[in-house]
Amino acid sequence: MSAFASAALLILGVFLLIMLLLSVKVIRPYQKGLVERLGKFNRILEPGIHFIIPFMERVRVVDMREHVVDVPPQEVICKDNVVVTVDAVVYYQILDPVKAVYNVSDFLLAIVKLAQTNLRAIIGEMELDETLSGRDIINARLREELDKITDRWGVKITRVEIQRIDPPKDIQEAMAKQMTAEREKRAMILLAEGKKESAIKEAEGQKQAAILRAEGEKQRQILIAEGQAEAIRKVLEALKMADEKYLTLQYIEKLPELAKYGNLIVPYDTEALIGLLRILQKVKDTELPKAPKSEKKPVEEAGNSSNLDLETLKDIMG
């Protein structure tokens, strides 16, 4: 009896130990547990240690962290009938573990298939150039469409990224040639603009140089003219300061020499003529002569006047 009792107690102890181990459930910080009692949802277990009823309750652990799922590559026809190969990645996070477990059988597969069908629909409305340059637009539209459907699954689509969009090889070669032509075009435009700028700068430099030369020549001519005007002014001042009586005597001394050749003697100004007539009047003590009737009489009178005594004239004027 003692041996049988000992064995029974041992078996009972092992059973209790197993029941205790089965009843203890540890939930990690990034997890939540869904407790099902007899096939029906009962409660949600938060992170920590929990006790359940073995064989009556079952715990389904749900990871609440953000996950990423890869959308396999697929061929999509664009609006302009160009076939491109597209693949993407989808980032999601479970917000409601109950909906994620009970509203969809396999939400990962559902997300992948949903992303593929929406990619075909979105890219099918766009041309090739729009598809290649509008990745941000595709990402935003795809995330919006996925988020509308996955909301009832308790899943939040946080981000969608298009990894690559590969057109056919012939299209890629044509695009490479187009890119090369565009680069050559930009290089030629830049070269032409550089030459144009250089020509403009050179023309502006020549213009400025011509203006400066003209200004210099203008200043030189002004200075020359001012110098000549100053010289003439100085000469005139010197002439004004000269003795007018001396100039008159010099004029009278030249009259006989000029009269030898039959020249018509005309005084250099009216005042000189009047002065000469006054001198002749004092010498001859006669009246002023009348105006000559022919061109020969002034010459004869000039010849007669040359016979005057110059010393007498000097004394009179002195």
C-alpha atoms as a PDB file:
ATOM      1  CA  MET A   1       0.000   0.000   0.000  1.00  0.00           C
ATOM      2  CA  SER A   2       2.723   2.376   0.798  1.00  0.00           C
ATOM      3  CA  ALA A   3       4.399   1.815  -2.546  1.00  0.00           C
ATOM      4  CA  PHE A   4       1.110   2.297  -4.408  1.00  0.00           C
ATOM      5  CA  ALA A   5       0.380   5.485  -2.454  1.00  0.00           C
ATOM      6  CA  SER A   6       3.790   6.832  -3.159  1.00  0.00           C
ATOM      7  CA  ALA A   7       3.380   6.219  -6.887  1.00  0.00           C
ATOM      8  CA  ALA A   8      -0.036   7.832  -6.878  1.00  0.00           C
ATOM      9  CA  LEU A   9       1.259  10.864  -5.087  1.00  0.00           C
ATOM     10  CA  LEU A  10       4.125  11.095  -7.519  1.00  0.00           C
ATOM     11  CA  ILE A  11       1.788  10.903 -10.454  1.00  0.00           C
ATOM     12  CA  LEU A  12      -0.505  13.485  -8.901  1.00  0.00           C
ATOM     13  CA  GLY A  13       2.411  15.794  -8.257  1.00  0.00           C
ATOM     14  CA  VAL A  14       3.614  15.498 -11.851  1.00  0.00           C
ATOM     15  CA  PHE A  15       0.076  16.139 -13.111  1.00  0.00           C
ATOM     16  CA  LEU A  16      -0.274  19.200 -10.964  1.00  0.00           C
ATOM     17  CA  LEU A  17       3.104  20.459 -12.108  1.00  0.00           C
ATOM     18  CA  ILE A  18       2.098  20.001 -15.734  1.00  0.00           C
ATOM     19  CA  MET A  19      -1.247  21.720 -15.107  1.00  0.00           C
ATOM     20  CA  LEU A  20       0.573  24.575 -13.419  1.00  0.00           C
ATOM     21  CA  LEU A  21       2.949  24.976 -16.353  1.00  0.00           C
ATOM     22  CA  LEU A  22       0.076  24.873 -18.800  1.00  0.00           C
ATOM     23  CA  SER A  23      -1.891  27.432 -16.853  1.00  0.00           C
ATOM     24  CA  VAL A  24       0.915  30.016 -16.827  1.00  0.00           C
ATOM     25  CA  LYS A  25       1.170  32.239 -19.896  1.00  0.00           C
ATOM     26  CA  VAL A  26       3.712  35.037 -20.350  1.00  0.00           C
ATOM     27  CA  ILE A  27       2.882  37.826 -22.805  1.00  0.00           C
ATOM     28  CA  ARG A  28       5.836  39.911 -24.061  1.00  0.00           C
ATOM     29  CA  PRO A  29       5.745  43.746 -24.210  1.00  0.00           C
ATOM     30  CA  TYR A  30       5.130  43.872 -27.990  1.00  0.00           C
ATOM     31  CA  GLN A  31       2.435  41.162 -27.901  1.00  0.00           C
ATOM     32  CA  LYS A  32      -1.182  40.739 -26.965  1.00  0.00           C
ATOM     33  CA  GLY A  33      -2.952  37.462 -26.199  1.00  0.00           C
ATOM     34  CA  LEU A  34      -6.408  36.441 -27.301  1.00  0.00           C
ATOM     35  CA  VAL A  35      -7.967  33.918 -24.892  1.00  0.00           C
ATOM     36  CA  GLU A  36     -10.483  31.482 -26.348  1.00  0.00           C
ATOM     37  CA  ARG A  37     -12.530  29.485 -23.877  1.00  0.00           C
ATOM     38  CA  LEU A  38     -14.164  26.427 -25.325  1.00  0.00           C
ATOM     39  CA  GLY A  39     -13.832  27.848 -28.852  1.00  0.00           C
ATOM     40  CA  LYS A  40     -15.209  31.307 -28.037  1.00  0.00           C
ATOM     41  CA  PHE A  41     -13.311  34.546 -27.646  1.00  0.00           C
ATOM     42  CA  ASN A  42     -13.130  35.440 -23.981  1.00  0.00           C
ATOM     43  CA  ARG A  43     -10.620  38.228 -23.266  1.00  0.00           C
ATOM     44  CA  ILE A  44      -7.403  39.972 -24.282  1.00  0.00           C
ATOM     45  CA  LEU A  45      -4.216  39.420 -22.315  1.00  0.00           C
ATOM     46  CA  GLU A  46      -1.915  42.411 -21.887  1.00  0.00           C
ATOM     47  CA  PRO A  47       1.888  42.044 -21.617  1.00  0.00           C
ATOM     48  CA  GLY A  48       2.922  40.221 -18.403  1.00  0.00           C
ATOM     49  CA  ILE A  49       2.265  36.874 -16.681  1.00  0.00           C
ATOM     50  CA  HIS A  50      -1.261  35.386 -16.775  1.00  0.00           C
ATOM     51  CA  PHE A  51      -3.003  32.200 -15.644  1.00  0.00           C
ATOM     52  CA  ILE A  52      -5.455  30.315 -17.803  1.00  0.00           C
ATOM     53  CA  ILE A  53      -7.502  27.182 -17.393  1.00  0.00           C
ATOM     54  CA  PRO A  54      -5.655  24.341 -19.075  1.00  0.00           C
ATOM     55  CA  PHE A  55      -7.516  22.356 -21.741  1.00  0.00           C
ATOM     56  CA  MET A  56     -10.417  24.799 -21.523  1.00  0.00           C
ATOM     57  CA  GLU A  57      -8.719  28.012 -22.621  1.00  0.00           C
ATOM     58  CA  ARG A  58      -6.329  28.586 -25.495  1.00  0.00           C
ATOM     59  CA  VAL A  59      -4.207  31.691 -26.073  1.00  0.00           C
ATOM     60  CA  ARG A  60      -3.439  33.118 -29.530  1.00  0.00           C
ATOM     61  CA  VAL A  61      -0.521  35.567 -29.414  1.00  0.00           C
ATOM     62  CA  VAL A  62      -0.566  38.529 -31.818  1.00  0.00           C
ATOM     63  CA  ASP A  63       2.553  40.590 -32.598  1.00  0.00           C
ATOM     64  CA  MET A  64       1.684  44.305 -32.415  1.00  0.00           C
ATOM     65  CA  ARG A  65       4.917  45.602 -33.945  1.00  0.00           C
ATOM     66  CA  GLU A  66       5.175  47.192 -37.375  1.00  0.00           C
ATOM     67  CA  HIS A  67       5.919  44.660 -40.095  1.00  0.00           C
ATOM     68  CA  VAL A  68       6.894  44.745 -43.739  1.00  0.00           C
ATOM     69  CA  VAL A  69       5.638  42.491 -46.484  1.00  0.00           C
ATOM     70  CA  ASP A  70       7.170  42.208 -49.933  1.00  0.00           C
ATOM     71  CA  VAL A  71       4.879  42.435 -52.941  1.00  0.00           C
ATOM     72  CA  PRO A  72       6.257  40.070 -55.619  1.00  0.00           C
ATOM     73  CA  PRO A  73       7.173  41.575 -59.033  1.00  0.00           C
ATOM     74  CA  GLN A  74       4.427  41.604 -61.633  1.00  0.00           C
ATOM     75  CA  GLU A  75       3.969  42.858 -65.165  1.00  0.00           C
ATOM     76  CA  VAL A  76       1.624  45.807 -65.531  1.00  0.00           C
ATOM     77  CA  ILE A  77       0.374  47.460 -68.734  1.00  0.00           C
ATOM     78  CA  CYS A  78       0.515  51.255 -68.761  1.00  0.00           C
ATOM     79  CA  LYS A  79      -2.015  53.531 -70.397  1.00  0.00           C
ATOM     80  CA  ASP A  80       0.166  53.837 -73.516  1.00  0.00           C
ATOM     81  CA  ASN A  81       0.350  50.002 -73.853  1.00  0.00           C
ATOM     82  CA  VAL A  82       3.876  49.657 -72.467  1.00  0.00           C
ATOM     83  CA  VAL A  83       4.482  46.629 -70.238  1.00  0.00           C
ATOM     84  CA  VAL A  84       6.514  47.371 -67.116  1.00  0.00           C
ATOM     85  CA  THR A  85       7.623  45.156 -64.246  1.00  0.00           C
ATOM     86  CA  VAL A  86       6.716  46.541 -60.838  1.00  0.00           C
ATOM     87  CA  ASP A  87       7.326  45.410 -57.282  1.00  0.00           C
ATOM     88  CA  ALA A  88       6.755  47.116 -53.957  1.00  0.00           C
ATOM     89  CA  VAL A  89       6.954  46.763 -50.197  1.00  0.00           C
ATOM     90  CA  VAL A  90       4.136  47.442 -47.752  1.00  0.00           C
ATOM     91  CA  TYR A  91       4.600  48.438 -44.105  1.00  0.00           C
ATOM     92  CA  TYR A  92       1.693  47.618 -41.798  1.00  0.00           C
ATOM     93  CA  GLN A  93       0.849  47.491 -38.105  1.00  0.00           C
ATOM     94  CA  ILE A  94      -1.926  45.634 -36.267  1.00  0.00           C
ATOM     95  CA  LEU A  95      -4.053  47.994 -34.221  1.00  0.00           C
ATOM     96  CA  ASP A  96      -6.892  45.645 -33.285  1.00  0.00           C
ATOM     97  CA  PRO A  97      -5.767  42.039 -32.702  1.00  0.00           C
ATOM     98  CA  VAL A  98      -9.324  40.740 -32.509  1.00  0.00           C
ATOM     99  CA  LYS A  99     -10.224  42.005 -36.007  1.00  0.00           C
ATOM    100  CA  ALA A 100      -6.858  40.887 -37.420  1.00  0.00           C
ATOM    101  CA  VAL A 101      -7.457  37.338 -36.209  1.00  0.00           C
ATOM    102  CA  TYR A 102     -11.202  36.886 -36.665  1.00  0.00           C
ATOM    103  CA  ASN A 103     -12.129  39.178 -39.610  1.00  0.00           C
ATOM    104  CA  VAL A 104      -9.680  37.747 -42.149  1.00  0.00           C
ATOM    105  CA  SER A 105      -8.176  34.337 -42.428  1.00  0.00           C
ATOM    106  CA  ASP A 106      -4.685  35.409 -43.561  1.00  0.00           C
ATOM    107  CA  PHE A 107      -4.257  39.140 -43.582  1.00  0.00           C
ATOM    108  CA  LEU A 108      -0.659  38.915 -44.900  1.00  0.00           C
ATOM    109  CA  LEU A 109      -1.768  37.148 -48.065  1.00  0.00           C
ATOM    110  CA  ALA A 110      -4.748  39.476 -48.314  1.00  0.00           C
ATOM    111  CA  ILE A 111      -2.489  42.540 -48.127  1.00  0.00           C
ATOM    112  CA  VAL A 112      -0.169  41.182 -50.842  1.00  0.00           C
ATOM    113  CA  LYS A 113      -2.984  40.359 -53.240  1.00  0.00           C
ATOM    114  CA  LEU A 114      -4.702  43.636 -52.543  1.00  0.00           C
ATOM    115  CA  ALA A 115      -1.466  45.557 -53.253  1.00  0.00           C
ATOM    116  CA  GLN A 116      -0.958  43.734 -56.561  1.00  0.00           C
ATOM    117  CA  THR A 117      -4.463  44.416 -57.843  1.00  0.00           C
ATOM    118  CA  ASN A 118      -4.339  48.083 -56.847  1.00  0.00           C
ATOM    119  CA  LEU A 119      -0.914  48.497 -58.477  1.00  0.00           C
ATOM    120  CA  ARG A 120      -2.325  47.215 -61.763  1.00  0.00           C
ATOM    121  CA  ALA A 121      -5.288  49.581 -61.497  1.00  0.00           C
ATOM    122  CA  ILE A 122      -3.218  52.666 -60.609  1.00  0.00           C
ATOM    123  CA  ILE A 123      -0.422  52.175 -63.145  1.00  0.00           C
ATOM    124  CA  GLY A 124      -2.957  51.232 -65.827  1.00  0.00           C
ATOM    125  CA  GLU A 125      -4.303  54.791 -65.639  1.00  0.00           C
ATOM    126  CA  MET A 126      -0.871  56.364 -66.148  1.00  0.00           C
ATOM    127  CA  GLU A 127       1.489  56.647 -69.103  1.00  0.00           C
ATOM    128  CA  LEU A 128       5.063  55.381 -68.958  1.00  0.00           C
ATOM    129  CA  ASP A 129       6.649  58.783 -68.354  1.00  0.00           C
ATOM    130  CA  GLU A 130       4.150  59.550 -65.596  1.00  0.00           C
ATOM    131  CA  THR A 131       4.817  56.166 -64.036  1.00  0.00           C
ATOM    132  CA  LEU A 132       8.586  56.650 -63.985  1.00  0.00           C
ATOM    133  CA  SER A 133       8.425  60.183 -62.627  1.00  0.00           C
ATOM    134  CA  GLY A 134       5.408  59.795 -60.324  1.00  0.00           C
ATOM    135  CA  ARG A 135       6.490  57.212 -57.769  1.00  0.00           C
ATOM    136  CA  ASP A 136       5.377  59.405 -54.896  1.00  0.00           C
ATOM    137  CA  ILE A 137       1.924  59.680 -56.438  1.00  0.00           C
ATOM    138  CA  ILE A 138       1.711  55.900 -56.867  1.00  0.00           C
ATOM    139  CA  ASN A 139       2.869  55.334 -53.287  1.00  0.00           C
ATOM    140  CA  ALA A 140       0.302  57.740 -51.859  1.00  0.00           C
ATOM    141  CA  ARG A 141      -2.593  56.370 -53.902  1.00  0.00           C
ATOM    142  CA  LEU A 142      -1.694  52.755 -53.162  1.00  0.00           C
ATOM    143  CA  ARG A 143      -1.403  53.408 -49.418  1.00  0.00           C
ATOM    144  CA  GLU A 144      -4.747  55.196 -49.427  1.00  0.00           C
ATOM    145  CA  GLU A 145      -6.500  52.359 -51.258  1.00  0.00           C
ATOM    146  CA  LEU A 146      -5.002  49.674 -49.035  1.00  0.00           C
ATOM    147  CA  ASP A 147      -5.775  51.586 -45.861  1.00  0.00           C
ATOM    148  CA  LYS A 148      -9.457  51.823 -46.788  1.00  0.00           C
ATOM    149  CA  ILE A 149      -9.816  48.049 -47.004  1.00  0.00           C
ATOM    150  CA  THR A 150      -7.482  46.946 -44.212  1.00  0.00           C
ATOM    151  CA  ASP A 151      -9.218  49.222 -41.711  1.00  0.00           C
ATOM    152  CA  ARG A 152     -11.906  46.609 -41.136  1.00  0.00           C
ATOM    153  CA  TRP A 153      -9.171  44.043 -40.524  1.00  0.00           C
ATOM    154  CA  GLY A 154      -7.720  46.082 -37.675  1.00  0.00           C
ATOM    155  CA  VAL A 155      -4.548  46.694 -39.702  1.00  0.00           C
ATOM    156  CA  LYS A 156      -3.014  50.090 -40.431  1.00  0.00           C
ATOM    157  CA  ILE A 157      -0.986  50.546 -43.624  1.00  0.00           C
ATOM    158  CA  THR A 158       1.754  52.930 -42.501  1.00  0.00           C
ATOM    159  CA  ARG A 159       3.799  53.161 -45.691  1.00  0.00           C
ATOM    160  CA  VAL A 160       4.051  51.858 -49.259  1.00  0.00           C
ATOM    161  CA  GLU A 161       7.207  52.049 -51.376  1.00  0.00           C
ATOM    162  CA  ILE A 162       7.653  51.165 -55.044  1.00  0.00           C
ATOM    163  CA  GLN A 163      11.015  49.400 -55.258  1.00  0.00           C
ATOM    164  CA  ARG A 164      11.490  49.426 -58.999  1.00  0.00           C
ATOM    165  CA  ILE A 165       9.665  50.013 -62.273  1.00  0.00           C
ATOM    166  CA  ASP A 166      11.435  48.305 -65.167  1.00  0.00           C
ATOM    167  CA  PRO A 167      10.286  49.006 -68.730  1.00  0.00           C
ATOM    168  CA  PRO A 168      11.236  46.621 -71.583  1.00  0.00           C
ATOM    169  CA  LYS A 169      14.844  46.573 -72.807  1.00  0.00           C
ATOM    170  CA  ASP A 170      14.079  48.359 -76.080  1.00  0.00           C
ATOM    171  CA  ILE A 171      12.363  51.134 -74.153  1.00  0.00           C
ATOM    172  CA  GLN A 172      15.339  51.355 -71.807  1.00  0.00           C
ATOM    173  CA  GLU A 173      17.731  51.663 -74.772  1.00  0.00           C
ATOM    174  CA  ALA A 174      15.557  54.382 -76.316  1.00  0.00           C
ATOM    175  CA  MET A 175      15.449  56.207 -72.993  1.00  0.00           C
ATOM    176  CA  ALA A 176      19.224  55.972 -72.686  1.00  0.00           C
ATOM    177  CA  LYS A 177      19.648  57.485 -76.170  1.00  0.00           C
ATOM    178  CA  GLN A 178      17.156  60.213 -75.324  1.00  0.00           C
ATOM    179  CA  MET A 179      19.014  60.979 -72.114  1.00  0.00           C
ATOM    180  CA  THR A 180      22.301  61.191 -74.012  1.00  0.00           C
ATOM    181  CA  ALA A 181      20.742  63.524 -76.578  1.00  0.00           C
ATOM    182  CA  GLU A 182      19.307  65.717 -73.830  1.00  0.00           C
ATOM    183  CA  ARG A 183      22.673  65.961 -72.121  1.00  0.00           C
ATOM    184  CA  GLU A 184      24.390  66.881 -75.388  1.00  0.00           C
ATOM    185  CA  LYS A 185      21.668  69.462 -76.031  1.00  0.00           C
ATOM    186  CA  ARG A 186      22.164  71.019 -72.592  1.00  0.00           C
ATOM    187  CA  ALA A 187      25.931  71.043 -73.131  1.00  0.00           C
ATOM    188  CA  MET A 188      25.559  72.825 -76.485  1.00  0.00           C
ATOM    189  CA  ILE A 189      23.115  75.322 -74.971  1.00  0.00           C
ATOM    190  CA  LEU A 190      25.495  76.061 -72.127  1.00  0.00           C
ATOM    191  CA  LEU A 191      28.393  76.458 -74.581  1.00  0.00           C
ATOM    192  CA  ALA A 192      26.357  78.830 -76.766  1.00  0.00           C
ATOM    193  CA  GLU A 193      25.265  80.843 -73.746  1.00  0.00           C
ATOM    194  CA  GLY A 194      28.885  81.057 -72.633  1.00  0.00           C
ATOM    195  CA  LYS A 195      29.984  82.333 -76.043  1.00  0.00           C
ATOM    196  CA  LYS A 196      27.106  84.813 -76.089  1.00  0.00           C
ATOM    197  CA  GLU A 197      27.996  86.100 -72.638  1.00  0.00           C
ATOM    198  CA  SER A 198      31.638  86.370 -73.629  1.00  0.00           C
ATOM    199  CA  ALA A 199      30.775  88.323 -76.795  1.00  0.00           C
ATOM    200  CA  ILE A 200      28.502  90.640 -74.821  1.00  0.00           C
ATOM    201  CA  LYS A 201      31.192  91.278 -72.233  1.00  0.00           C
ATOM    202  CA  GLU A 202      33.784  91.914 -74.952  1.00  0.00           C
ATOM    203  CA  ALA A 203      31.453  94.324 -76.776  1.00  0.00           C
ATOM    204  CA  GLU A 204      30.717  96.144 -73.541  1.00  0.00           C
ATOM    205  CA  GLY A 205      34.445  96.393 -72.850  1.00  0.00           C
ATOM    206  CA  GLN A 206      35.101  97.810 -76.324  1.00  0.00           C
ATOM    207  CA  LYS A 207      32.232 100.245 -75.877  1.00  0.00           C
ATOM    208  CA  GLN A 208      33.580 101.442 -72.553  1.00  0.00           C
ATOM    209  CA  ALA A 209      37.075 101.744 -74.027  1.00  0.00           C
ATOM    210  CA  ALA A 210      35.757 103.784 -76.990  1.00  0.00           C
ATOM    211  CA  ILE A 211      33.806 106.022 -74.621  1.00  0.00           C
ATOM    212  CA  LEU A 212      36.877 106.561 -72.481  1.00  0.00           C
ATOM    213  CA  ARG A 213      39.009 107.325 -75.555  1.00  0.00           C
ATOM    214  CA  ALA A 214      36.383 109.776 -76.814  1.00  0.00           C
ATOM    215  CA  GLU A 215      36.215 111.417 -73.409  1.00  0.00           C
ATOM    216  CA  GLY A 216      39.993 111.698 -73.331  1.00  0.00           C
ATOM    217  CA  GLU A 217      40.105 113.176 -76.824  1.00  0.00           C
ATOM    218  CA  LYS A 218      37.348 115.589 -75.864  1.00  0.00           C
ATOM    219  CA  GLN A 219      39.231 116.706 -72.775  1.00  0.00           C
ATOM    220  CA  ARG A 220      42.422 117.064 -74.845  1.00  0.00           C
ATOM    221  CA  GLN A 221      40.657 119.240 -77.445  1.00  0.00           C
ATOM    222  CA  ILE A 222      39.066 121.334 -74.696  1.00  0.00           C
ATOM    223  CA  LEU A 223      42.431 121.852 -73.025  1.00  0.00           C
ATOM    224  CA  ILE A 224      44.056 122.783 -76.368  1.00  0.00           C
ATOM    225  CA  ALA A 225      41.247 125.221 -77.158  1.00  0.00           C
ATOM    226  CA  GLU A 226      41.454 126.718 -73.684  1.00  0.00           C
ATOM    227  CA  GLY A 227      45.240 127.064 -74.094  1.00  0.00           C
ATOM    228  CA  GLN A 228      44.879 128.737 -77.471  1.00  0.00           C
ATOM    229  CA  ALA A 229      42.164 131.052 -76.134  1.00  0.00           C
ATOM    230  CA  GLU A 230      44.373 131.956 -73.173  1.00  0.00           C
ATOM    231  CA  ALA A 231      47.289 132.631 -75.524  1.00  0.00           C
ATOM    232  CA  ILE A 232      45.161 134.871 -77.747  1.00  0.00           C
ATOM    233  CA  ARG A 233      43.845 136.679 -74.695  1.00  0.00           C
ATOM    234  CA  LYS A 234      47.392 137.250 -73.467  1.00  0.00           C
ATOM    235  CA  VAL A 235      48.423 138.583 -76.905  1.00  0.00           C
ATOM    236  CA  LEU A 236      45.449 140.898 -77.016  1.00  0.00           C
ATOM    237  CA  GLU A 237      46.221 142.172 -73.544  1.00  0.00           C
ATOM    238  CA  ALA A 238      49.832 142.752 -74.592  1.00  0.00           C
ATOM    239  CA  LEU A 239      48.694 144.608 -77.705  1.00  0.00           C
ATOM    240  CA  LYS A 240      46.364 146.786 -75.651  1.00  0.00           C
ATOM    241  CA  MET A 241      49.189 147.625 -73.317  1.00  0.00           C
ATOM    242  CA  ALA A 242      51.465 148.665 -76.255  1.00  0.00           C
ATOM    243  CA  ASP A 243      51.940 152.339 -77.077  1.00  0.00           C
ATOM    244  CA  GLU A 244      49.408 153.300 -79.735  1.00  0.00           C
ATOM    245  CA  LYS A 245      51.565 156.246 -80.797  1.00  0.00           C
ATOM    246  CA  TYR A 246      54.457 153.913 -81.521  1.00  0.00           C
ATOM    247  CA  LEU A 247      52.230 151.718 -83.662  1.00  0.00           C
ATOM    248  CA  THR A 248      50.998 154.796 -85.532  1.00  0.00           C
ATOM    249  CA  LEU A 249      54.552 155.930 -86.292  1.00  0.00           C
ATOM    250  CA  GLN A 250      55.427 152.489 -87.545  1.00  0.00           C
ATOM    251  CA  TYR A 251      52.393 152.604 -89.790  1.00  0.00           C
ATOM    252  CA  ILE A 252      53.389 156.019 -91.184  1.00  0.00           C
ATOM    253  CA  GLU A 253      56.958 154.850 -91.837  1.00  0.00           C
ATOM    254  CA  LYS A 254      55.619 152.021 -94.008  1.00  0.00           C
ATOM    255  CA  LEU A 255      53.345 154.209 -96.065  1.00  0.00           C
ATOM    256  CA  PRO A 256      56.027 155.419 -98.556  1.00  0.00           C
ATOM    257  CA  GLU A 257      57.250 151.874 -99.171  1.00  0.00           C
ATOM    258  CA  LEU A 258      53.726 150.642 -99.785  1.00  0.00           C
ATOM    259  CA  ALA A 259      52.886 153.587-102.035  1.00  0.00           C
ATOM    260  CA  LYS A 260      55.789 152.819-104.398  1.00  0.00           C
ATOM    261  CA  TYR A 261      53.943 149.876-105.881  1.00  0.00           C
ATOM    262  CA  GLY A 262      50.725 151.755-106.490  1.00  0.00           C
ATOM    263  CA  ASN A 263      48.930 150.140-103.550  1.00  0.00           C
ATOM    264  CA  LEU A 264      45.741 151.590-102.175  1.00  0.00           C
ATOM    265  CA  ILE A 265      46.520 152.661 -98.612  1.00  0.00           C
ATOM    266  CA  VAL A 266      43.644 152.047 -96.223  1.00  0.00           C
ATOM    267  CA  PRO A 267      44.170 152.509 -92.486  1.00  0.00           C
ATOM    268  CA  TYR A 268      43.654 149.455 -90.334  1.00  0.00           C
ATOM    269  CA  ASP A 269      40.705 151.072 -88.563  1.00  0.00           C
ATOM    270  CA  THR A 270      38.611 154.263 -88.468  1.00  0.00           C
ATOM    271  CA  GLU A 271      40.293 155.717 -85.424  1.00  0.00           C
ATOM    272  CA  ALA A 272      43.685 155.365 -87.098  1.00  0.00           C
ATOM    273  CA  LEU A 273      42.314 157.134 -90.212  1.00  0.00           C
ATOM    274  CA  ILE A 274      41.033 160.054 -88.144  1.00  0.00           C
ATOM    275  CA  GLY A 275      44.320 160.257 -86.225  1.00  0.00           C
ATOM    276  CA  LEU A 276      46.267 160.270 -89.497  1.00  0.00           C
ATOM    277  CA  LEU A 277      44.130 163.036 -90.958  1.00  0.00           C
ATOM    278  CA  ARG A 278      44.546 165.107 -87.801  1.00  0.00           C
ATOM    279  CA  ILE A 279      48.342 164.727 -88.015  1.00  0.00           C
ATOM    280  CA  LEU A 280      48.335 165.764 -91.675  1.00  0.00           C
ATOM    281  CA  GLN A 281      46.175 168.738 -90.805  1.00  0.00           C
ATOM    282  CA  LYS A 282      48.625 169.876 -88.156  1.00  0.00           C
ATOM    283  CA  VAL A 283      51.585 169.478 -90.517  1.00  0.00           C
ATOM    284  CA  LYS A 284      50.117 171.247 -93.569  1.00  0.00           C
ATOM    285  CA  ASP A 285      47.931 173.536 -91.500  1.00  0.00           C
ATOM    286  CA  THR A 286      45.205 172.933 -94.002  1.00  0.00           C
ATOM    287  CA  GLU A 287      41.650 171.714 -93.899  1.00  0.00           C
ATOM    288  CA  LEU A 288      40.739 168.034 -93.947  1.00  0.00           C
ATOM    289  CA  PRO A 289      40.806 166.593 -97.470  1.00  0.00           C
ATOM    290  CA  LYS A 290      37.629 165.651 -99.244  1.00  0.00           C
ATOM    291  CA  ALA A 291      36.737 162.146-100.373  1.00  0.00           C
ATOM    292  CA  PRO A 292      38.684 161.079-103.520  1.00  0.00           C
ATOM    293  CA  LYS A 293      36.799 160.756-106.855  1.00  0.00           C
ATOM    294  CA  SER A 294      38.996 158.074-108.408  1.00  0.00           C
ATOM    295  CA  GLU A 295      41.147 155.239-107.239  1.00  0.00           C
ATOM    296  CA  LYS A 296      44.419 156.996-108.263  1.00  0.00           C
ATOM    297  CA  LYS A 297      44.088 160.068-106.028  1.00  0.00           C
ATOM    298  CA  PRO A 298      44.440 158.167-102.737  1.00  0.00           C
ATOM    299  CA  VAL A 299      47.625 156.728-104.129  1.00  0.00           C
ATOM    300  CA  GLU A 300      48.950 160.151-105.159  1.00  0.00           C
ATOM    301  CA  GLU A 301      47.973 161.681-101.822  1.00  0.00           C
ATOM    302  CA  ALA A 302      49.672 158.790-100.139  1.00  0.00           C
ATOM    303  CA  GLY A 303      52.759 159.493-102.277  1.00  0.00           C
ATOM    304  CA  ASN A 304      52.696 163.161-101.378  1.00  0.00           C
ATOM    305  CA  SER A 305      52.235 162.397 -97.724  1.00  0.00           C
ATOM    306  CA  SER A 306      55.292 160.224 -97.869  1.00  0.00           C
ATOM    307  CA  ASN A 307      57.339 163.369 -98.412  1.00  0.00           C
ATOM    308  CA  LEU A 308      56.571 164.545 -94.898  1.00  0.00           C
ATOM    309  CA  ASP A 309      59.302 164.903 -92.489  1.00  0.00           C
ATOM    310  CA  LEU A 310      59.052 161.938 -90.130  1.00  0.00           C
ATOM    311  CA  GLU A 311      60.987 163.731 -87.447  1.00  0.00           C
ATOM    312  CA  THR A 312      58.467 166.565 -87.527  1.00  0.00           C
ATOM    313  CA  LEU A 313      55.618 164.063 -87.154  1.00  0.00           C
ATOM    314  CA  LYS A 314      57.340 162.430 -84.229  1.00  0.00           C
ATOM    315  CA  ASP A 315      57.710 165.812 -82.556  1.00  0.00           C
ATOM    316  CA  ILE A 316      54.067 166.664 -83.137  1.00  0.00           C
ATOM    317  CA  MET A 317      52.863 163.305 -81.774  1.00  0.00           C
ATOM    318  CA  GLY A 318      55.335 163.506 -78.958  1.00  0.00           C
END
